[in-house]
N, C-alpha and C. Protein backbone atom coordinates (compact mmCIF):
# COMPACT_ATOMS: atom_id res chain seq x y z
N MET A 1 -25.12 4.79 -58.50
CA MET A 1 -25.09 3.77 -59.53
C MET A 1 -25.38 4.34 -60.84
N ASP A 2 -24.44 5.21 -61.36
CA ASP A 2 -24.63 5.75 -62.61
C ASP A 2 -24.54 4.78 -63.73
N ASP A 3 -23.82 3.82 -63.55
CA ASP A 3 -23.61 2.69 -64.61
C ASP A 3 -24.89 1.79 -64.75
N PHE A 4 -25.79 1.85 -63.82
CA PHE A 4 -26.96 0.96 -63.86
C PHE A 4 -27.92 1.56 -64.86
N ASP A 5 -28.17 0.97 -66.01
CA ASP A 5 -29.10 1.40 -67.04
C ASP A 5 -29.86 0.18 -67.53
N ILE A 6 -31.01 -0.19 -66.95
CA ILE A 6 -31.77 -1.32 -67.27
C ILE A 6 -32.49 -1.00 -68.66
N GLY A 7 -32.56 0.25 -69.05
CA GLY A 7 -33.17 0.68 -70.31
C GLY A 7 -32.35 0.23 -71.50
N GLY A 8 -31.10 -0.13 -71.34
CA GLY A 8 -30.21 -0.41 -72.40
C GLY A 8 -30.39 -1.98 -72.83
N ILE A 9 -31.30 -2.62 -72.16
CA ILE A 9 -31.50 -4.11 -72.45
C ILE A 9 -32.52 -4.19 -73.53
N ASP A 10 -32.23 -4.86 -74.57
CA ASP A 10 -33.06 -5.07 -75.82
C ASP A 10 -34.12 -6.07 -75.36
N GLU A 11 -35.40 -5.71 -75.24
CA GLU A 11 -36.42 -6.64 -74.77
C GLU A 11 -36.78 -7.67 -75.83
N VAL A 12 -36.46 -7.39 -77.08
CA VAL A 12 -36.70 -8.38 -78.20
C VAL A 12 -35.72 -9.60 -77.97
N ILE A 13 -34.53 -9.28 -77.74
CA ILE A 13 -33.45 -10.28 -77.49
C ILE A 13 -33.51 -10.90 -76.12
N HIS A 14 -33.98 -10.19 -75.17
CA HIS A 14 -33.87 -10.66 -73.72
C HIS A 14 -34.71 -11.85 -73.39
N GLY A 15 -35.73 -12.27 -74.10
CA GLY A 15 -36.48 -13.53 -73.91
C GLY A 15 -35.58 -14.68 -73.97
N ARG A 16 -35.73 -15.64 -73.21
CA ARG A 16 -34.78 -16.86 -73.12
C ARG A 16 -34.57 -17.51 -74.35
N LEU A 17 -35.71 -17.79 -75.11
CA LEU A 17 -35.55 -18.51 -76.38
C LEU A 17 -34.85 -17.63 -77.47
N ARG A 18 -35.35 -16.38 -77.49
CA ARG A 18 -34.78 -15.42 -78.50
C ARG A 18 -33.27 -15.19 -78.19
N LEU A 19 -32.90 -15.09 -76.92
CA LEU A 19 -31.46 -14.97 -76.54
C LEU A 19 -30.75 -16.10 -77.09
N GLY A 20 -31.34 -17.40 -76.86
CA GLY A 20 -30.74 -18.56 -77.29
C GLY A 20 -30.49 -18.55 -78.83
N VAL A 21 -31.43 -18.16 -79.54
CA VAL A 21 -31.37 -18.04 -81.04
C VAL A 21 -30.26 -17.21 -81.36
N MET A 22 -30.20 -15.92 -80.90
CA MET A 22 -29.11 -15.01 -81.19
C MET A 22 -27.79 -15.44 -80.78
N ALA A 23 -27.69 -16.00 -79.62
CA ALA A 23 -26.44 -16.52 -79.12
C ALA A 23 -25.84 -17.60 -80.04
N TYR A 24 -26.76 -18.55 -80.43
CA TYR A 24 -26.40 -19.72 -81.18
C TYR A 24 -25.86 -19.21 -82.61
N LEU A 25 -26.68 -18.33 -83.19
CA LEU A 25 -26.30 -17.79 -84.52
C LEU A 25 -25.02 -16.96 -84.55
N ALA A 26 -24.92 -16.12 -83.47
CA ALA A 26 -23.65 -15.27 -83.33
C ALA A 26 -22.47 -16.12 -83.10
N GLY A 27 -22.60 -17.32 -82.49
CA GLY A 27 -21.56 -18.16 -82.23
C GLY A 27 -21.00 -18.98 -83.45
N LEU A 28 -21.85 -19.10 -84.40
CA LEU A 28 -21.39 -19.90 -85.62
C LEU A 28 -20.78 -18.86 -86.64
N GLY A 29 -19.69 -19.43 -87.22
CA GLY A 29 -19.00 -18.62 -88.16
C GLY A 29 -19.89 -18.00 -89.32
N ALA A 30 -20.78 -18.90 -89.79
CA ALA A 30 -21.58 -18.60 -90.94
C ALA A 30 -22.85 -17.62 -90.47
N GLY A 31 -23.13 -17.68 -89.20
CA GLY A 31 -24.24 -16.92 -88.70
C GLY A 31 -25.59 -17.40 -89.11
N SER A 32 -25.62 -18.68 -89.55
CA SER A 32 -26.91 -19.24 -89.98
C SER A 32 -27.01 -20.65 -89.47
N ALA A 33 -28.36 -21.16 -89.38
CA ALA A 33 -28.58 -22.48 -88.95
C ALA A 33 -29.83 -22.96 -89.55
N GLU A 34 -30.06 -24.20 -89.72
CA GLU A 34 -31.32 -24.73 -90.19
C GLU A 34 -32.28 -24.80 -88.93
N PHE A 35 -33.54 -24.69 -89.25
CA PHE A 35 -34.58 -24.52 -88.20
C PHE A 35 -34.53 -25.66 -87.26
N ASN A 36 -34.38 -26.95 -87.90
CA ASN A 36 -34.40 -28.18 -86.95
C ASN A 36 -33.12 -28.24 -86.08
N ALA A 37 -32.03 -27.70 -86.54
CA ALA A 37 -30.80 -27.63 -85.67
C ALA A 37 -31.11 -26.66 -84.49
N LEU A 38 -31.75 -25.59 -84.76
CA LEU A 38 -32.06 -24.64 -83.68
C LEU A 38 -33.04 -25.22 -82.73
N LYS A 39 -34.04 -25.88 -83.30
CA LYS A 39 -35.11 -26.42 -82.46
C LYS A 39 -34.47 -27.49 -81.57
N THR A 40 -33.50 -28.38 -82.04
CA THR A 40 -32.96 -29.34 -81.22
C THR A 40 -32.15 -28.72 -80.19
N ARG A 41 -31.28 -27.77 -80.60
CA ARG A 41 -30.23 -27.18 -79.71
C ARG A 41 -30.98 -26.41 -78.57
N LEU A 42 -32.07 -25.78 -78.86
CA LEU A 42 -32.79 -24.91 -77.85
C LEU A 42 -33.88 -25.64 -77.18
N GLN A 43 -34.06 -26.91 -77.47
CA GLN A 43 -35.11 -27.81 -76.98
C GLN A 43 -36.37 -27.03 -76.99
N ALA A 44 -36.86 -26.65 -78.27
CA ALA A 44 -37.99 -25.97 -78.32
C ALA A 44 -38.87 -26.78 -79.29
N SER A 45 -40.27 -26.44 -79.22
CA SER A 45 -41.25 -27.02 -80.19
C SER A 45 -41.14 -26.21 -81.44
N ASP A 46 -41.72 -26.89 -82.54
CA ASP A 46 -41.86 -26.22 -83.85
C ASP A 46 -42.64 -24.73 -83.61
N GLY A 47 -43.75 -24.90 -83.01
CA GLY A 47 -44.62 -23.67 -82.84
C GLY A 47 -44.04 -22.56 -81.99
N ASN A 48 -43.31 -22.91 -80.87
CA ASN A 48 -42.70 -22.00 -79.95
C ASN A 48 -41.50 -21.28 -80.71
N LEU A 49 -40.73 -22.09 -81.33
CA LEU A 49 -39.57 -21.44 -82.07
C LEU A 49 -40.08 -20.63 -83.18
N SER A 50 -41.11 -20.95 -83.92
CA SER A 50 -41.54 -20.22 -85.00
C SER A 50 -42.08 -18.80 -84.50
N VAL A 51 -42.76 -18.80 -83.37
CA VAL A 51 -43.34 -17.53 -82.87
C VAL A 51 -42.02 -16.65 -82.53
N HIS A 52 -41.10 -17.09 -81.93
CA HIS A 52 -39.93 -16.29 -81.46
C HIS A 52 -39.08 -15.94 -82.67
N LEU A 53 -38.97 -16.76 -83.59
CA LEU A 53 -38.20 -16.40 -84.86
C LEU A 53 -38.92 -15.22 -85.59
N ARG A 54 -40.25 -15.27 -85.54
CA ARG A 54 -41.07 -14.29 -86.25
C ARG A 54 -40.80 -12.95 -85.65
N LYS A 55 -40.72 -12.91 -84.23
CA LYS A 55 -40.49 -11.66 -83.51
C LYS A 55 -39.01 -11.02 -83.91
N LEU A 56 -38.13 -11.91 -84.01
CA LEU A 56 -36.76 -11.52 -84.41
C LEU A 56 -36.67 -11.04 -85.79
N GLU A 57 -37.48 -11.68 -86.70
CA GLU A 57 -37.53 -11.33 -88.07
C GLU A 57 -38.28 -10.00 -88.31
N GLU A 58 -39.34 -9.70 -87.46
CA GLU A 58 -40.10 -8.45 -87.61
C GLU A 58 -39.14 -7.19 -87.29
N VAL A 59 -38.26 -7.43 -86.38
CA VAL A 59 -37.27 -6.22 -86.05
C VAL A 59 -36.06 -6.29 -87.00
N GLY A 60 -35.87 -7.29 -87.87
CA GLY A 60 -34.73 -7.31 -88.79
C GLY A 60 -33.53 -8.00 -88.17
N TYR A 61 -33.63 -8.69 -87.02
CA TYR A 61 -32.43 -9.37 -86.43
C TYR A 61 -32.12 -10.65 -87.17
N VAL A 62 -33.10 -11.29 -87.70
CA VAL A 62 -32.82 -12.53 -88.49
C VAL A 62 -33.57 -12.44 -89.82
N ALA A 63 -33.12 -13.20 -90.73
CA ALA A 63 -33.77 -13.41 -91.97
C ALA A 63 -34.11 -14.95 -92.05
N ILE A 64 -35.34 -15.18 -92.62
CA ILE A 64 -35.83 -16.56 -92.75
C ILE A 64 -35.76 -16.90 -94.30
N GLU A 65 -34.91 -18.04 -94.49
CA GLU A 65 -34.84 -18.49 -95.97
C GLU A 65 -35.43 -19.84 -96.08
N LYS A 66 -36.34 -19.87 -96.99
CA LYS A 66 -37.12 -21.16 -97.19
C LYS A 66 -36.76 -21.66 -98.61
N SER A 67 -36.47 -22.96 -98.62
CA SER A 67 -36.06 -23.67 -99.91
C SER A 67 -36.51 -25.07 -99.80
N PHE A 68 -36.13 -25.85 -100.84
CA PHE A 68 -36.45 -27.25 -100.89
C PHE A 68 -35.11 -27.93 -101.18
N VAL A 69 -34.98 -29.13 -100.52
CA VAL A 69 -33.72 -30.00 -100.78
C VAL A 69 -34.47 -31.24 -101.23
N GLY A 70 -34.33 -31.45 -102.49
CA GLY A 70 -35.15 -32.66 -103.11
C GLY A 70 -36.64 -32.12 -102.98
N ARG A 71 -37.40 -32.84 -102.34
CA ARG A 71 -38.83 -32.39 -102.11
C ARG A 71 -39.18 -32.11 -100.67
N LYS A 72 -38.03 -31.97 -99.85
CA LYS A 72 -38.25 -31.64 -98.54
C LYS A 72 -37.99 -30.16 -98.18
N PRO A 73 -38.94 -29.42 -97.50
CA PRO A 73 -38.70 -28.13 -97.22
C PRO A 73 -37.56 -27.85 -96.30
N LEU A 74 -36.82 -26.85 -96.55
CA LEU A 74 -35.71 -26.50 -95.63
C LEU A 74 -35.81 -24.99 -95.23
N THR A 75 -35.78 -24.76 -93.91
CA THR A 75 -35.90 -23.47 -93.37
C THR A 75 -34.50 -23.10 -92.74
N ARG A 76 -33.97 -22.05 -93.18
CA ARG A 76 -32.63 -21.57 -92.65
C ARG A 76 -32.84 -20.14 -92.01
N VAL A 77 -32.19 -20.05 -90.80
CA VAL A 77 -32.40 -18.74 -90.17
C VAL A 77 -30.95 -18.12 -90.23
N VAL A 78 -31.00 -16.91 -90.63
CA VAL A 78 -29.64 -16.15 -90.80
C VAL A 78 -29.71 -14.86 -90.08
N LEU A 79 -28.53 -14.71 -89.24
CA LEU A 79 -28.43 -13.62 -88.40
C LEU A 79 -28.05 -12.45 -89.33
N THR A 80 -28.85 -11.37 -89.33
CA THR A 80 -28.45 -10.11 -90.18
C THR A 80 -27.41 -9.26 -89.55
N ARG A 81 -27.03 -8.35 -90.33
CA ARG A 81 -25.95 -7.40 -89.88
C ARG A 81 -26.61 -6.60 -88.65
N GLU A 82 -27.73 -6.15 -88.88
CA GLU A 82 -28.43 -5.50 -87.83
C GLU A 82 -28.54 -6.28 -86.58
N GLY A 83 -28.85 -7.56 -86.74
CA GLY A 83 -29.02 -8.46 -85.67
C GLY A 83 -27.75 -8.81 -84.82
N ARG A 84 -26.62 -8.77 -85.63
CA ARG A 84 -25.32 -8.97 -84.98
C ARG A 84 -24.96 -7.77 -84.13
N LYS A 85 -25.22 -6.69 -84.82
CA LYS A 85 -24.94 -5.33 -84.05
C LYS A 85 -25.83 -5.23 -82.69
N ALA A 86 -27.19 -5.62 -82.88
CA ALA A 86 -28.01 -5.54 -81.83
C ALA A 86 -27.61 -6.51 -80.66
N PHE A 87 -27.19 -7.71 -81.04
CA PHE A 87 -26.72 -8.71 -80.06
C PHE A 87 -25.43 -8.17 -79.38
N LEU A 88 -24.57 -7.59 -80.07
CA LEU A 88 -23.31 -7.13 -79.41
C LEU A 88 -23.63 -5.90 -78.44
N ALA A 89 -24.65 -5.10 -78.80
CA ALA A 89 -25.11 -4.00 -77.98
C ALA A 89 -25.81 -4.62 -76.71
N TYR A 90 -26.51 -5.75 -76.91
CA TYR A 90 -27.22 -6.37 -75.77
C TYR A 90 -26.19 -6.97 -74.84
N LEU A 91 -25.22 -7.53 -75.33
CA LEU A 91 -24.14 -8.09 -74.47
C LEU A 91 -23.32 -7.12 -73.78
N ASP A 92 -23.22 -5.93 -74.42
CA ASP A 92 -22.48 -4.80 -73.75
C ASP A 92 -23.30 -4.26 -72.58
N ALA A 93 -24.60 -4.12 -72.85
CA ALA A 93 -25.54 -3.60 -71.86
C ALA A 93 -25.62 -4.55 -70.65
N ILE A 94 -25.64 -5.79 -70.89
CA ILE A 94 -25.59 -6.82 -69.83
C ILE A 94 -24.29 -6.67 -69.07
N SER A 95 -23.25 -6.58 -69.80
CA SER A 95 -21.85 -6.56 -69.08
C SER A 95 -21.85 -5.27 -68.16
N ARG A 96 -22.38 -4.22 -68.66
CA ARG A 96 -22.35 -2.94 -67.80
C ARG A 96 -23.22 -3.14 -66.46
N LEU A 97 -24.29 -3.91 -66.64
CA LEU A 97 -25.19 -4.20 -65.37
C LEU A 97 -24.38 -5.03 -64.45
N VAL A 98 -23.74 -6.09 -65.04
CA VAL A 98 -23.05 -7.11 -64.22
C VAL A 98 -21.84 -6.39 -63.48
N ASP A 99 -21.27 -5.48 -64.25
CA ASP A 99 -19.99 -4.87 -63.67
C ASP A 99 -20.32 -3.60 -62.83
N ALA A 100 -21.61 -3.24 -62.77
CA ALA A 100 -21.99 -1.98 -61.97
C ALA A 100 -21.79 -2.30 -60.52
N PRO A 101 -21.35 -1.22 -59.77
CA PRO A 101 -21.10 -1.29 -58.34
C PRO A 101 -22.32 -1.96 -57.67
N ARG A 102 -22.16 -2.70 -56.58
CA ARG A 102 -23.19 -3.33 -55.96
C ARG A 102 -23.20 -2.96 -54.45
N ILE A 103 -24.27 -3.12 -53.91
CA ILE A 103 -24.39 -3.10 -52.42
C ILE A 103 -23.75 -4.27 -51.91
N THR A 104 -22.80 -4.29 -51.04
CA THR A 104 -22.29 -5.58 -50.51
C THR A 104 -22.91 -5.76 -49.06
N GLY A 105 -22.93 -7.06 -48.77
CA GLY A 105 -23.44 -7.43 -47.50
C GLY A 105 -22.87 -8.69 -47.05
N PRO A 106 -23.30 -9.32 -45.96
CA PRO A 106 -22.89 -10.54 -45.56
C PRO A 106 -23.11 -11.70 -46.66
N PRO A 107 -22.27 -12.68 -46.74
CA PRO A 107 -22.42 -13.68 -47.83
C PRO A 107 -23.70 -14.38 -47.81
N ASP A 108 -24.40 -14.43 -46.71
CA ASP A 108 -25.64 -15.17 -46.77
C ASP A 108 -26.87 -14.38 -47.25
N GLY A 109 -26.65 -13.12 -47.63
CA GLY A 109 -27.55 -12.35 -48.13
C GLY A 109 -28.37 -11.39 -47.22
N ASP A 110 -28.22 -11.59 -45.91
CA ASP A 110 -28.87 -10.81 -45.03
C ASP A 110 -28.21 -9.44 -44.77
N LEU A 111 -28.94 -8.44 -44.88
CA LEU A 111 -28.38 -7.10 -44.72
C LEU A 111 -28.47 -6.60 -43.29
């Protein structure tokens, strides 16, 4: 199983919510989304999403932009160039694991 390399999986991205953030942002043409749109789409709480965004921001995968629209605060999350590159590498690593040769056995899983 030379193609099996679990070490190629980016642990920062691999968490369910962080993976959701990266996939959502990468899937948008602009690569950015408002905090509330992410929160709704990922079915996350404010605090939970904030913690995961901070982890992504610390490694440079996203940038957080804060502004005001009228008197209301607006937080926008932007996928960085480094983040897009890391996400593509993550997808490539997952693809290699999925495509790696497997031990085959009976369909019911009994060996």
